Amino acid sequence: MRQLLLILLPLLLFLNVVPQSQAQPLEGNIDYPTNYFDHPLHLPVTLAATFGEIRPNHFHSGLDLRIGGKIGEPIYAPADGYVSRINISAWGGGKVLYITHPNGFRTVYMHCNDFVGEAATFARNYQYEHHTFTMDVNLPKDSIKVRRGQLIAHAGNTGGSGGPHLHYEIRYAANDQPINPFYFGTKYNDNIAPTIRNIKVYPANQQARLDDQWQTVTLRGKNKKGYLRWIDTVRVQGRFYVGVYATDAAEGSTQKNGVEMIELFVDDTLFYRYANPTFLFEETRAVNAIIDYDEYQRSREYYILTRCLRGNKNSFSRAVNGMGYLQFGDGQLHKLRYVVSDYKGNHTSRTFYVRDIPGQQNVVPADTSIDIPGDPIAYYKTKYFERPGFSATIPIGTVYENDILSYHVRSSSGLAPLHSLTLTNYPLPPHQPFTVRLFCNKEKIQQQGLRLDQLVVVCTQGSSRSALPTKRKGDWLEATTKMFGTFTIEADTIAPKVRPVNFAQGKQLSSTLLKIKISDNLSGIASYHCYINGTWVLAEHDGKTASLSVSAAKFLHTGTNTIRIVVADAVGNTTDVEYHVLKK
């Protein structure tokens, strides 16, 4: 019988797709008002991204709604309320409008091209009064009221947007916790089941073996002739866990949106469930602990893992019992079945098998050491780490599992040694920022003719290099970081670059919408100002294109005009340039 079963296994491996028309809300999400909010766009709902999708260091906190690829689609208030916050930035959500509603929820509109009505007037007045483009202001209740169906903004491509769209959120007003807008009755067409793109089986430790190897087994790949094929059975010895990469699509949507729920059944019993109908923003970096982080860095394919690290306190990725590891030890064949669902109830399943190999006798490979030197760190308490010329304070909850801090120091021809601080067993980004301090050699700085206020702490991780906001604490420089990596001190002595794009010294203007490129070599742009004929004029900063846009028509006169651009970096290096241009 067992031999017959092994022969039939390839036939038993199946992909089962069942489209269903009715939504199946998760438990606890059935009380959201489904008829309260209108759709904010007068367009059919087509999705560029869904709620809870995996993104670098965060979960996607809303729906990305398509607007046909063009800037300017009108946005309407979905219900009565008042404008409670206006946030404008060169990055992130760009121009963002927040509306608080009397039912206890708040709606959010990101990447707007512009605001309309009283909100637009308030924002413009604030910017000119404070001589700033960026702003983040909470408004008093009912100071700017809106009515259902009122035009409030136009959709655009501001901030970190990758193309024109509306990022739409619904949150609890009390704590700004985002909720999947689908639970509020968003109507859209979806008869397309999710796609299970791949499954991986991972050894949990150095004693585990998969198919007689100490490495991960990928179930879907190419055979010798290049054809895709699925492995139906994996031989396992010891402790292991699994991960799945799955995506969803709907009518008119992109093809790799996030899924609603992932379930893993082991021998027909639910073992693991992933679902993310709502989350706290302080949980969002936990995304790094639930995925195969290294694979995501390589390919942007996000494998959701059954492994649950103890320092990850989220509620959306949980094994039914235990920490998401499997170990049988019975020499039997076991069935594992993934079921992946979307909000509309369409689901896909895939079954595979593991053959347990009993009597674990394997040894650790000769070139691997279990006894790793370093400094222990625990997820449940604060770690104070000190070495000559370097220290770090890592708060409780920064790492996801007990680990070993690996520290190395190398001499450098620069202003300070290179201090490398990394995690050994679970090399994930920290869940929250931590503080590093580096000794500042005053004599060396003075010998090189540098000023102390020009110094910054720089962190390098792989190809990523960032100057951190730096404070001086006696003989030490202190900085807060969201990365482990290599830390050192550098001096920023170079002022920002300023380059006009569509005007030039002494030339006739071709447009009254002025474009200027700005950039900095290290510490980053801290401020920028534009003056036309001595008057401060709003310069809108687009971080994606590293440019300023200035609507200058009202400030120019016939003949010669003076345009002055002043840009400073984070340590005070300043570029102050004037251009004399002609206008007919």
Protein backbone atom coordinates (compact mmCIF):
# COMPACT_ATOMS: atom_id res chain seq x y z
CA MET A 1 0.00 0.00 0.00
CA ARG A 2 2.80 2.42 0.90
CA GLN A 3 4.58 1.66 -2.42
CA LEU A 4 1.34 2.26 -4.30
CA LEU A 5 0.89 5.59 -2.53
CA LEU A 6 4.38 6.70 -3.54
CA ILE A 7 3.64 5.78 -7.14
CA LEU A 8 0.42 7.79 -7.09
CA LEU A 9 1.88 10.87 -5.41
CA PRO A 10 2.52 12.81 -8.65
CA LEU A 11 -1.13 12.24 -9.56
CA LEU A 12 -2.29 13.40 -6.14
CA LEU A 13 -0.46 16.72 -6.40
CA PHE A 14 -3.09 19.18 -7.51
CA LEU A 15 -3.91 22.82 -8.02
CA ASN A 16 -7.51 23.54 -7.09
CA VAL A 17 -9.06 26.88 -8.09
CA VAL A 18 -12.59 27.70 -6.88
CA PRO A 19 -13.99 31.16 -7.69
CA GLN A 20 -16.82 32.29 -5.42
CA SER A 21 -18.92 35.42 -5.71
CA GLN A 22 -19.60 36.08 -2.03
CA ALA A 23 -17.07 37.62 0.34
CA GLN A 24 -16.12 35.68 3.43
CA PRO A 25 -15.14 38.28 6.06
CA LEU A 26 -12.69 37.19 8.70
CA GLU A 27 -13.98 36.68 12.22
CA GLY A 28 -14.22 39.95 14.12
CA ASN A 29 -14.61 42.10 11.00
CA ILE A 30 -18.34 41.80 10.38
CA ASP A 31 -19.44 44.93 12.29
CA TYR A 32 -17.89 47.57 10.04
CA PRO A 33 -20.52 49.79 8.40
CA THR A 34 -20.80 48.63 4.79
CA ASN A 35 -23.11 51.39 3.50
CA TYR A 36 -21.64 54.43 5.23
CA PHE A 37 -18.83 55.45 2.85
CA ASP A 38 -19.25 56.19 -0.84
CA HIS A 39 -16.37 55.45 -3.15
CA PRO A 40 -14.07 58.53 -3.33
CA LEU A 41 -13.66 58.31 -7.13
CA HIS A 42 -16.41 58.42 -9.74
CA LEU A 43 -14.69 55.55 -11.53
CA PRO A 44 -15.09 51.77 -11.46
CA VAL A 45 -12.86 50.30 -8.75
CA THR A 46 -9.67 48.93 -10.31
CA LEU A 47 -6.76 48.14 -8.05
CA ALA A 48 -3.05 48.87 -8.32
CA ALA A 49 -2.46 47.49 -4.80
CA THR A 50 -4.47 46.03 -1.95
CA PHE A 51 -4.43 46.42 1.80
CA GLY A 52 -1.67 44.67 3.75
CA GLU A 53 0.61 43.99 0.79
CA ILE A 54 4.26 43.33 1.58
CA ARG A 55 6.44 46.39 1.03
CA PRO A 56 10.04 47.21 2.07
CA ASN A 57 9.94 47.48 5.87
CA HIS A 58 6.17 47.95 6.05
CA PHE A 59 2.72 46.70 5.16
CA HIS A 60 0.68 48.65 2.63
CA SER A 61 -1.94 50.47 4.67
CA GLY A 62 -4.65 51.13 2.09
CA LEU A 63 -5.94 50.56 -1.43
CA ASP A 64 -4.14 52.00 -4.44
CA LEU A 65 -6.92 52.99 -6.84
CA ARG A 66 -6.19 53.38 -10.53
CA ILE A 67 -7.08 56.66 -12.24
CA GLY A 68 -6.25 55.88 -15.85
CA GLY A 69 -2.62 56.98 -15.73
CA LYS A 70 -3.45 60.71 -15.79
CA ILE A 71 -3.11 63.30 -13.04
CA GLY A 72 -6.19 65.28 -12.01
CA GLU A 73 -8.99 62.77 -11.34
CA PRO A 74 -11.48 64.39 -8.91
CA ILE A 75 -11.65 62.99 -5.36
CA TYR A 76 -14.95 63.29 -3.48
CA ALA A 77 -15.69 63.06 0.25
CA PRO A 78 -17.26 59.62 0.86
CA ALA A 79 -19.24 60.90 3.86
CA ASP A 80 -19.77 63.98 6.01
CA GLY A 81 -16.88 65.00 8.25
CA TYR A 82 -14.17 67.58 8.74
CA VAL A 83 -10.58 68.03 7.58
CA SER A 84 -8.55 66.99 10.63
CA ARG A 85 -5.02 66.96 9.24
CA ILE A 86 -3.01 68.16 6.24
CA ASN A 87 0.42 66.68 5.56
CA ILE A 88 2.67 67.76 2.69
CA SER A 89 6.08 66.22 2.02
CA ALA A 90 8.50 65.60 -0.83
CA TRP A 91 8.43 61.90 0.10
CA GLY A 92 6.00 59.34 1.50
CA GLY A 93 2.38 60.20 0.84
CA GLY A 94 3.20 63.53 -0.80
CA LYS A 95 0.15 65.76 -0.42
CA VAL A 96 -2.14 64.03 2.07
CA LEU A 97 -5.62 64.96 3.28
CA TYR A 98 -7.26 63.45 6.39
CA ILE A 99 -11.04 63.60 6.99
CA THR A 100 -12.51 62.55 10.33
CA HIS A 101 -16.12 61.30 10.27
CA PRO A 102 -18.71 61.31 13.07
CA ASN A 103 -18.93 57.49 13.09
CA GLY A 104 -15.46 57.15 14.64
CA PHE A 105 -13.48 56.50 11.47
CA ARG A 106 -11.05 58.61 9.46
CA THR A 107 -10.40 58.49 5.71
CA VAL A 108 -7.01 59.36 4.21
CA TYR A 109 -6.10 60.45 0.66
CA MET A 110 -2.42 60.28 -0.36
CA HIS A 111 -0.42 61.43 -3.41
CA CYS A 112 -2.94 64.19 -4.18
CA ASN A 113 -1.96 66.59 -6.93
CA ASP A 114 -3.76 69.44 -5.16
CA PHE A 115 -6.44 70.15 -2.57
CA VAL A 116 -9.73 71.98 -3.26
CA GLY A 117 -11.63 74.68 -1.41
CA GLU A 118 -10.93 75.64 2.20
CA ALA A 119 -8.27 72.94 2.63
CA ALA A 120 -6.31 74.33 -0.32
CA THR A 121 -6.58 77.86 1.03
CA PHE A 122 -5.48 76.80 4.52
CA ALA A 123 -2.47 74.87 3.20
CA ARG A 124 -1.30 77.68 0.92
CA ASN A 125 -1.69 80.31 3.64
CA TYR A 126 0.26 78.15 6.09
CA GLN A 127 3.09 77.59 3.60
CA TYR A 128 3.48 81.29 2.85
CA GLU A 129 3.17 82.32 6.49
CA HIS A 130 5.88 79.85 7.58
CA HIS A 131 7.98 79.99 4.37
CA THR A 132 7.85 76.23 3.97
CA PHE A 133 6.63 73.66 1.46
CA THR A 134 6.51 70.77 3.94
CA MET A 135 3.84 70.86 6.64
CA ASP A 136 2.04 68.53 9.02
CA VAL A 137 -0.81 70.28 10.79
CA ASN A 138 -3.71 68.95 12.87
CA LEU A 139 -6.82 71.08 12.48
CA PRO A 140 -9.49 71.80 15.12
CA LYS A 141 -12.73 69.86 14.89
CA ASP A 142 -15.17 71.28 12.35
CA SER A 143 -12.87 74.16 11.34
CA ILE A 144 -13.11 72.89 7.74
CA LYS A 145 -16.31 70.88 7.28
CA VAL A 146 -16.97 68.68 4.27
CA ARG A 147 -20.18 67.11 3.01
CA ARG A 148 -20.73 63.76 1.34
CA GLY A 149 -19.97 64.05 -2.37
CA GLN A 150 -18.03 67.31 -2.03
CA LEU A 151 -14.96 67.74 -4.25
CA ILE A 152 -11.97 67.75 -1.87
CA ALA A 153 -8.87 67.14 -4.02
CA HIS A 154 -7.48 65.83 -7.29
CA ALA A 155 -5.48 62.60 -7.55
CA GLY A 156 -1.85 62.84 -8.55
CA ASN A 157 1.65 61.43 -8.29
CA THR A 158 3.21 63.35 -5.38
CA GLY A 159 5.56 61.97 -2.73
CA GLY A 160 6.88 58.44 -3.16
CA SER A 161 4.21 57.45 -5.68
CA GLY A 162 5.34 55.31 -8.60
CA GLY A 163 2.65 56.64 -10.94
CA PRO A 164 -0.65 58.57 -10.86
CA HIS A 165 -3.14 56.93 -8.47
CA LEU A 166 -5.08 57.50 -5.26
CA HIS A 167 -3.88 55.78 -2.11
CA TYR A 168 -7.07 55.50 -0.02
CA GLU A 169 -7.24 54.47 3.63
CA ILE A 170 -9.87 54.01 6.32
CA ARG A 171 -8.63 54.21 9.91
CA TYR A 172 -9.98 54.23 13.43
CA ALA A 173 -10.04 57.90 14.34
CA ALA A 174 -9.02 57.20 17.94
CA ASN A 175 -5.57 55.77 17.17
CA ASP A 176 -5.10 56.00 13.38
CA GLN A 177 -5.10 52.20 13.04
CA PRO A 178 -5.71 51.34 9.36
CA ILE A 179 -8.37 48.80 8.36
CA ASN A 180 -8.90 47.03 5.07
CA PRO A 181 -11.35 49.29 3.15
CA PHE A 182 -12.92 46.18 1.62
CA TYR A 183 -14.70 45.59 4.95
CA PHE A 184 -16.61 48.84 4.45
CA GLY A 185 -18.42 47.67 1.34
CA THR A 186 -16.05 48.70 -1.46
CA LYS A 187 -17.62 47.22 -4.60
CA TYR A 188 -15.39 45.75 -7.28
CA ASN A 189 -15.35 42.81 -9.67
CA ASP A 190 -13.16 39.84 -8.84
CA ASN A 191 -13.70 36.33 -10.10
CA ILE A 192 -9.99 35.57 -10.32
CA ALA A 193 -8.47 33.22 -7.78
CA PRO A 194 -5.05 33.92 -6.21
CA THR A 195 -1.95 32.30 -7.67
CA ILE A 196 0.43 30.17 -5.62
CA ARG A 197 3.68 30.99 -7.35
CA ASN A 198 6.04 28.92 -5.27
CA ILE A 199 6.55 27.06 -2.00
CA LYS A 200 9.76 26.57 -0.04
CA VAL A 201 10.72 24.15 2.72
CA TYR A 202 13.39 25.45 5.12
CA PRO A 203 15.63 23.56 7.57
CA ALA A 204 15.06 25.05 11.03
CA ASN A 205 18.56 24.45 12.36
CA GLN A 206 21.93 22.99 11.48
CA GLN A 207 20.85 19.46 12.39
CA ALA A 208 17.91 19.38 9.97
CA ARG A 209 18.25 17.93 6.47
CA LEU A 210 15.98 18.24 3.43
CA ASP A 211 16.45 15.77 0.58
CA ASP A 212 19.80 14.85 2.16
CA GLN A 213 20.99 18.46 2.06
CA TRP A 214 21.37 21.23 4.65
CA GLN A 215 19.67 23.82 2.45
CA THR A 216 16.22 25.08 1.50
CA VAL A 217 14.14 23.09 -1.00
CA THR A 218 12.12 25.05 -3.59
CA LEU A 219 9.11 23.10 -4.86
CA ARG A 220 8.67 24.90 -8.18
CA GLY A 221 11.54 25.24 -10.61
CA LYS A 222 12.88 24.20 -14.00
CA ASN A 223 14.01 20.76 -15.02
CA LYS A 224 17.03 20.03 -17.23
CA LYS A 225 15.08 21.00 -20.36
CA GLY A 226 13.97 24.30 -18.87
CA TYR A 227 10.34 23.33 -18.28
CA LEU A 228 8.67 24.45 -15.04
CA ARG A 229 7.75 21.62 -12.71
CA TRP A 230 6.56 21.11 -9.14
CA ILE A 231 8.24 18.77 -6.68
CA ASP A 232 5.57 16.64 -5.03
CA THR A 233 7.52 15.18 -2.09
CA VAL A 234 10.36 16.38 0.13
CA ARG A 235 12.37 14.07 2.40
CA VAL A 236 12.74 15.72 5.81
CA GLN A 237 14.91 14.85 8.75
CA GLY A 238 14.57 16.99 11.85
CA ARG A 239 12.87 20.33 12.38
CA PHE A 240 11.67 22.48 9.48
CA TYR A 241 9.24 25.23 8.47
CA VAL A 242 7.64 26.26 5.18
CA GLY A 243 6.85 29.41 3.23
CA VAL A 244 4.62 30.35 0.31
CA TYR A 245 4.79 33.10 -2.30
CA ALA A 246 1.27 33.90 -3.51
CA THR A 247 -0.31 36.84 -5.30
CA ASP A 248 -3.79 37.93 -6.31
CA ALA A 249 -5.46 39.81 -9.14
CA ALA A 250 -8.90 41.18 -9.96
CA GLU A 251 -10.61 42.53 -13.06
CA GLY A 252 -8.60 45.56 -14.20
CA SER A 253 -5.99 45.20 -11.45
CA THR A 254 -2.27 44.61 -11.54
CA GLN A 255 -1.27 40.94 -11.57
CA LYS A 256 0.67 40.65 -8.32
CA ASN A 257 -1.50 42.19 -5.63
CA GLY A 258 -1.56 40.92 -2.06
CA VAL A 259 -3.78 38.08 -0.88
CA GLU A 260 -6.35 38.13 1.92
CA MET A 261 -5.53 34.96 3.82
CA ILE A 262 -3.06 32.06 3.79
CA GLU A 263 -3.77 28.79 5.61
CA LEU A 264 -1.57 25.72 5.91
CA PHE A 265 -3.15 22.38 6.77
CA VAL A 266 -0.96 19.50 7.96
CA ASP A 267 -2.65 16.11 7.56
CA ASP A 268 -5.94 18.03 7.09
CA THR A 269 -5.59 19.93 10.39
CA LEU A 270 -5.11 23.70 10.37
CA PHE A 271 -1.52 24.42 11.38
CA TYR A 272 -0.92 28.07 10.40
CA ARG A 273 -2.92 31.12 9.35
CA TYR A 274 -1.88 34.50 7.95
CA ALA A 275 -4.45 37.28 7.66
CA ASN A 276 -4.02 41.02 7.99
CA PRO A 277 -7.37 42.88 8.09
CA THR A 278 -5.94 45.62 10.32
CA PHE A 279 -2.67 46.45 12.03
CA LEU A 280 -0.99 49.09 14.16
CA PHE A 281 1.63 51.28 12.52
CA GLU A 282 4.05 50.35 15.30
CA GLU A 283 3.71 46.74 14.08
CA THR A 284 4.43 47.44 10.44
CA ARG A 285 8.18 46.70 10.46
CA ALA A 286 7.30 43.19 11.66
CA VAL A 287 6.81 42.47 7.97
CA ASN A 288 10.54 41.65 7.93
CA ALA A 289 10.06 38.89 10.52
CA ILE A 290 7.28 37.03 8.72
CA ILE A 291 8.88 36.84 5.27
CA ASP A 292 11.98 35.25 3.82
CA TYR A 293 13.83 38.55 4.12
CA ASP A 294 16.93 37.54 2.15
CA GLU A 295 14.84 36.29 -0.78
CA TYR A 296 12.79 39.49 -0.75
CA GLN A 297 15.97 41.56 -0.92
CA ARG A 298 17.16 39.53 -3.92
CA SER A 299 14.00 39.14 -5.96
CA ARG A 300 11.15 41.11 -4.31
CA GLU A 301 9.32 37.79 -4.02
CA TYR A 302 7.73 37.63 -0.56
CA TYR A 303 7.49 34.16 0.95
CA ILE A 304 5.23 34.22 4.02
CA LEU A 305 6.84 31.89 6.58
CA THR A 306 5.14 29.68 9.14
CA ARG A 307 8.10 30.35 11.48
CA CYS A 308 7.02 32.72 14.28
CA LEU A 309 9.84 34.55 16.03
CA ARG A 310 9.16 35.21 19.70
CA GLY A 311 9.80 38.95 19.56
CA ASN A 312 7.24 39.44 16.80
CA LYS A 313 4.09 40.42 18.70
CA ASN A 314 1.76 40.92 15.73
CA SER A 315 -1.59 39.16 15.61
CA PHE A 316 -1.84 38.51 11.88
CA SER A 317 0.78 35.77 11.40
CA ARG A 318 0.25 32.89 13.80
CA ALA A 319 0.68 29.15 14.07
CA VAL A 320 -2.32 27.46 15.66
CA ASN A 321 -0.03 25.74 18.13
CA GLY A 322 3.60 26.45 18.84
CA MET A 323 5.95 28.66 16.83
CA GLY A 324 5.31 27.41 13.32
CA TYR A 325 7.96 24.67 13.15
CA LEU A 326 7.26 21.09 12.12
CA GLN A 327 9.01 17.90 13.23
CA PHE A 328 7.48 14.43 12.91
CA GLY A 329 10.05 11.77 13.82
CA ASP A 330 7.66 8.95 12.92
CA GLY A 331 8.98 7.80 9.55
CA GLN A 332 5.59 8.44 7.91
CA LEU A 333 4.35 10.33 4.89
CA HIS A 334 2.54 13.60 5.75
CA LYS A 335 0.29 15.78 3.62
CA LEU A 336 0.69 19.57 3.63
CA ARG A 337 -1.90 21.73 1.88
CA TYR A 338 -1.82 25.49 1.35
CA VAL A 339 -5.11 27.35 0.82
CA VAL A 340 -4.79 30.99 -0.31
CA SER A 341 -7.88 33.24 -0.46
CA ASP A 342 -8.80 36.74 -1.54
CA TYR A 343 -11.47 39.00 -0.02
CA LYS A 344 -14.11 37.87 -2.51
CA GLY A 345 -13.70 34.27 -1.37
CA ASN A 346 -11.84 33.03 -4.45
CA HIS A 347 -9.25 30.54 -3.33
CA THR A 348 -6.46 28.35 -4.61
CA SER A 349 -4.94 25.31 -2.97
CA ARG A 350 -1.84 23.22 -3.50
CA THR A 351 -0.89 19.98 -1.83
CA PHE A 352 2.56 18.48 -1.36
CA TYR A 353 4.01 15.79 0.87
CA VAL A 354 6.91 15.37 3.24
CA ARG A 355 8.45 11.99 3.95
CA ASP A 356 9.82 11.94 7.49
CA ILE A 357 13.19 10.20 7.88
CA PRO A 358 13.42 8.80 11.42
CA GLY A 359 16.49 8.15 13.53
CA GLN A 360 18.20 11.49 13.03
CA GLN A 361 21.92 10.67 12.91
CA ASN A 362 23.22 13.42 10.66
CA VAL A 363 26.00 15.70 11.83
CA VAL A 364 26.61 19.38 11.28
CA PRO A 365 28.69 20.10 8.15
CA ALA A 366 32.38 20.37 8.95
CA ASP A 367 32.67 24.02 7.91
CA THR A 368 29.87 25.20 10.19
CA SER A 369 30.27 26.11 13.86
CA ILE A 370 27.44 26.12 16.39
CA ASP A 371 29.53 27.93 18.98
CA ILE A 372 29.52 31.43 17.52
CA PRO A 373 31.52 34.05 19.43
CA GLY A 374 29.81 37.35 20.10
CA ASP A 375 27.66 39.27 22.53
CA PRO A 376 24.19 37.83 23.37
CA ILE A 377 21.12 39.99 22.90
CA ALA A 378 17.57 39.09 23.99
CA TYR A 379 14.34 40.25 22.38
CA TYR A 380 12.73 40.82 25.78
CA LYS A 381 15.18 43.26 27.36
CA THR A 382 17.24 46.35 26.56
CA LYS A 383 20.83 45.75 25.47
CA TYR A 384 23.67 48.13 26.35
CA PHE A 385 26.63 47.38 24.09
CA GLU A 386 30.00 49.05 24.66
CA ARG A 387 33.38 48.83 22.97
CA PRO A 388 36.29 51.33 22.85
CA GLY A 389 35.13 54.30 20.80
CA PHE A 390 31.67 52.84 20.16
CA SER A 391 28.48 52.07 22.06
CA ALA A 392 24.87 51.20 21.27
CA THR A 393 21.63 51.22 23.25
CA ILE A 394 19.17 48.72 21.78
CA PRO A 395 15.72 48.97 23.44
CA ILE A 396 13.53 46.03 24.39
CA GLY A 397 11.60 44.74 21.37
CA THR A 398 14.18 45.85 18.81
CA VAL A 399 15.16 42.32 17.74
CA TYR A 400 12.70 39.51 17.01
CA GLU A 401 14.57 36.63 18.62
CA ASN A 402 17.41 35.95 21.02
CA ASP A 403 20.54 36.45 18.97
CA ILE A 404 24.26 37.18 18.93
CA LEU A 405 25.62 40.64 18.20
CA SER A 406 28.60 40.34 15.89
CA TYR A 407 31.00 43.28 16.27
CA HIS A 408 34.11 44.09 14.26
CA VAL A 409 36.23 47.22 14.14
CA ARG A 410 38.63 48.21 11.34
CA SER A 411 41.00 51.13 11.15
CA SER A 412 40.25 53.81 8.60
CA SER A 413 42.03 56.75 7.03
CA GLY A 414 38.89 58.77 7.80
CA LEU A 415 37.82 60.52 10.96
CA ALA A 416 36.91 57.35 12.90
CA PRO A 417 37.32 53.57 12.70
CA LEU A 418 34.70 51.46 10.94
CA HIS A 419 32.49 49.87 13.61
CA SER A 420 30.43 46.95 12.28
CA LEU A 421 27.45 45.75 14.36
CA THR A 422 25.24 43.01 12.94
CA LEU A 423 22.96 40.16 14.04
CA THR A 424 24.31 36.63 13.59
CA ASN A 425 21.39 34.19 13.53
CA TYR A 426 18.46 36.37 12.42
CA PRO A 427 19.99 39.21 10.36
CA LEU A 428 16.79 41.25 10.05
CA PRO A 429 16.36 45.03 10.26
CA PRO A 430 15.50 46.21 13.78
CA HIS A 431 11.83 46.50 14.66
CA GLN A 432 12.41 50.00 16.02
CA PRO A 433 15.26 52.54 15.93
CA PHE A 434 18.20 52.24 18.29
CA THR A 435 20.99 54.62 19.28
CA VAL A 436 24.70 54.44 18.42
CA ARG A 437 27.53 56.64 19.74
CA LEU A 438 30.99 57.12 18.22
CA PHE A 439 33.98 58.80 19.84
CA CYS A 440 34.95 62.07 18.18
CA ASN A 441 38.70 62.73 17.93
CA LYS A 442 38.87 66.53 18.23
CA GLU A 443 42.60 66.74 17.51
CA LYS A 444 42.26 64.80 14.28
CA ILE A 445 39.35 66.99 13.22
CA GLN A 446 41.20 70.21 13.96
CA GLN A 447 44.31 68.98 12.13
CA GLN A 448 42.21 68.54 9.00
CA GLY A 449 40.69 72.02 9.34
CA LEU A 450 37.15 70.70 9.91
CA ARG A 451 34.35 72.03 12.10
CA LEU A 452 32.53 69.84 14.59
CA ASP A 453 29.15 70.85 13.19
CA GLN A 454 30.15 69.37 9.81
CA LEU A 455 30.38 65.84 11.22
CA VAL A 456 27.75 63.13 10.74
CA VAL A 457 27.48 59.46 11.63
CA VAL A 458 27.23 57.36 8.47
CA CYS A 459 25.78 53.83 8.32
CA THR A 460 26.59 51.45 5.47
CA GLN A 461 24.72 48.19 4.85
CA GLY A 462 25.52 46.43 1.60
CA SER A 463 25.06 49.00 -1.16
CA SER A 464 22.99 51.27 1.07
CA ARG A 465 24.80 54.24 2.61
CA SER A 466 23.00 56.78 4.79
CA ALA A 467 24.02 59.82 6.80
CA LEU A 468 22.12 59.70 10.08
CA PRO A 469 20.71 62.73 11.94
CA THR A 470 23.55 63.38 14.37
CA LYS A 471 23.84 65.12 17.76
CA ARG A 472 26.96 66.06 19.68
CA LYS A 473 27.16 64.68 23.24
CA GLY A 474 30.42 65.85 24.78
CA ASP A 475 33.24 63.99 23.02
CA TRP A 476 30.80 61.66 21.28
CA LEU A 477 28.53 61.82 18.25
CA GLU A 478 25.10 60.22 18.76
CA ALA A 479 22.71 59.07 16.08
CA THR A 480 19.52 57.04 15.78
CA THR A 481 19.43 54.29 13.17
CA LYS A 482 16.92 51.86 11.65
CA MET A 483 19.67 49.60 10.32
CA PHE A 484 22.40 47.36 11.59
CA GLY A 485 25.60 47.79 9.62
CA THR A 486 28.93 49.59 9.62
CA PHE A 487 29.12 52.96 11.38
CA THR A 488 31.73 55.67 11.07
CA ILE A 489 32.14 59.46 11.19
CA GLU A 490 32.43 61.58 8.07
CA ALA A 491 32.57 65.30 7.40
CA ASP A 492 30.19 66.98 5.00
CA THR A 493 32.01 70.01 3.58
CA ILE A 494 30.29 70.26 0.21
CA ALA A 495 27.32 72.54 -0.32
CA PRO A 496 24.22 71.31 -2.21
CA LYS A 497 24.11 71.54 -5.98
CA VAL A 498 21.54 73.78 -7.68
CA ARG A 499 20.87 73.54 -11.43
CA PRO A 500 18.14 75.41 -13.35
CA VAL A 501 16.34 73.14 -15.79
CA ASN A 502 14.25 75.46 -17.97
CA PHE A 503 15.84 78.87 -17.49
CA ALA A 504 19.36 80.29 -17.70
CA GLN A 505 21.36 83.38 -16.75
CA GLY A 506 20.47 86.37 -18.93
CA LYS A 507 18.07 84.38 -21.14
CA GLN A 508 14.41 84.82 -22.03
CA LEU A 509 12.01 82.67 -19.96
CA SER A 510 10.22 79.96 -21.97
CA SER A 511 7.81 79.16 -19.12
CA THR A 512 6.64 80.74 -15.88
CA LEU A 513 6.67 77.32 -14.20
CA LEU A 514 10.30 77.24 -13.13
CA LYS A 515 12.10 73.89 -12.70
CA ILE A 516 15.28 73.54 -10.60
CA LYS A 517 17.29 70.39 -9.80
CA ILE A 518 18.74 70.20 -6.27
CA SER A 519 20.95 67.52 -4.70
CA ASP A 520 23.40 66.95 -1.84
CA ASN A 521 26.36 64.59 -1.52
CA LEU A 522 25.96 63.33 2.07
CA SER A 523 23.88 64.81 4.89
CA GLY A 524 20.86 65.57 2.72
CA ILE A 525 18.76 68.60 1.82
CA ALA A 526 17.44 70.34 4.92
CA SER A 527 15.87 73.53 3.51
CA TYR A 528 15.23 75.30 0.22
CA HIS A 529 13.86 78.74 -0.59
CA CYS A 530 13.08 80.65 -3.75
CA TYR A 531 12.86 84.42 -4.00
CA ILE A 532 11.62 86.30 -7.06
CA ASN A 533 12.49 89.98 -7.10
CA GLY A 534 13.05 89.78 -3.35
CA THR A 535 9.74 88.07 -2.51
CA TRP A 536 9.59 84.52 -1.06
CA VAL A 537 7.75 82.22 -3.44
CA LEU A 538 6.59 78.64 -2.74
CA ALA A 539 8.88 76.00 -4.25
CA GLU A 540 7.30 72.54 -4.38
CA HIS A 541 9.82 69.75 -3.79
CA ASP A 542 9.52 66.39 -5.58
CA GLY A 543 11.84 63.88 -3.91
CA LYS A 544 11.55 61.35 -6.77
CA THR A 545 12.99 63.74 -9.31
CA ALA A 546 15.11 65.79 -6.85
CA SER A 547 13.57 68.95 -8.23
CA LEU A 548 11.76 72.15 -7.26
CA SER A 549 8.78 73.54 -9.14
CA VAL A 550 7.93 77.24 -8.79
CA SER A 551 4.74 78.79 -10.17
CA ALA A 552 6.21 82.22 -10.83
CA ALA A 553 3.67 83.98 -13.06
CA LYS A 554 2.24 86.25 -10.33
CA PHE A 555 5.70 87.39 -9.20
CA LEU A 556 7.36 88.20 -12.53
CA HIS A 557 7.22 91.53 -14.32
CA THR A 558 8.10 92.61 -17.81
CA GLY A 559 11.83 93.02 -18.32
CA THR A 560 14.64 91.74 -16.09
CA ASN A 561 13.75 89.61 -13.06
CA THR A 562 15.96 88.26 -10.27
CA ILE A 563 15.49 84.65 -9.20
CA ARG A 564 17.37 83.67 -6.06
CA ILE A 565 17.66 80.03 -4.90
CA VAL A 566 18.96 79.19 -1.41
CA VAL A 567 19.49 75.51 -0.52
CA ALA A 568 21.10 74.21 2.69
CA ASP A 569 22.05 70.69 3.79
CA ALA A 570 21.65 69.12 7.24
CA VAL A 571 24.99 70.45 8.56
CA GLY A 572 24.54 74.00 7.30
CA ASN A 573 26.46 74.03 4.02
CA THR A 574 24.53 76.48 1.85
CA THR A 575 24.28 77.31 -1.83
CA ASP A 576 22.92 80.79 -2.54
CA VAL A 577 22.69 81.68 -6.24
CA GLU A 578 20.99 84.39 -8.30
CA TYR A 579 19.81 84.33 -11.89
CA HIS A 580 18.76 87.35 -13.91
CA VAL A 581 16.19 86.36 -16.50
CA LEU A 582 14.04 88.22 -19.02
CA LYS A 583 10.28 88.18 -19.41
CA LYS A 584 8.37 89.78 -22.29
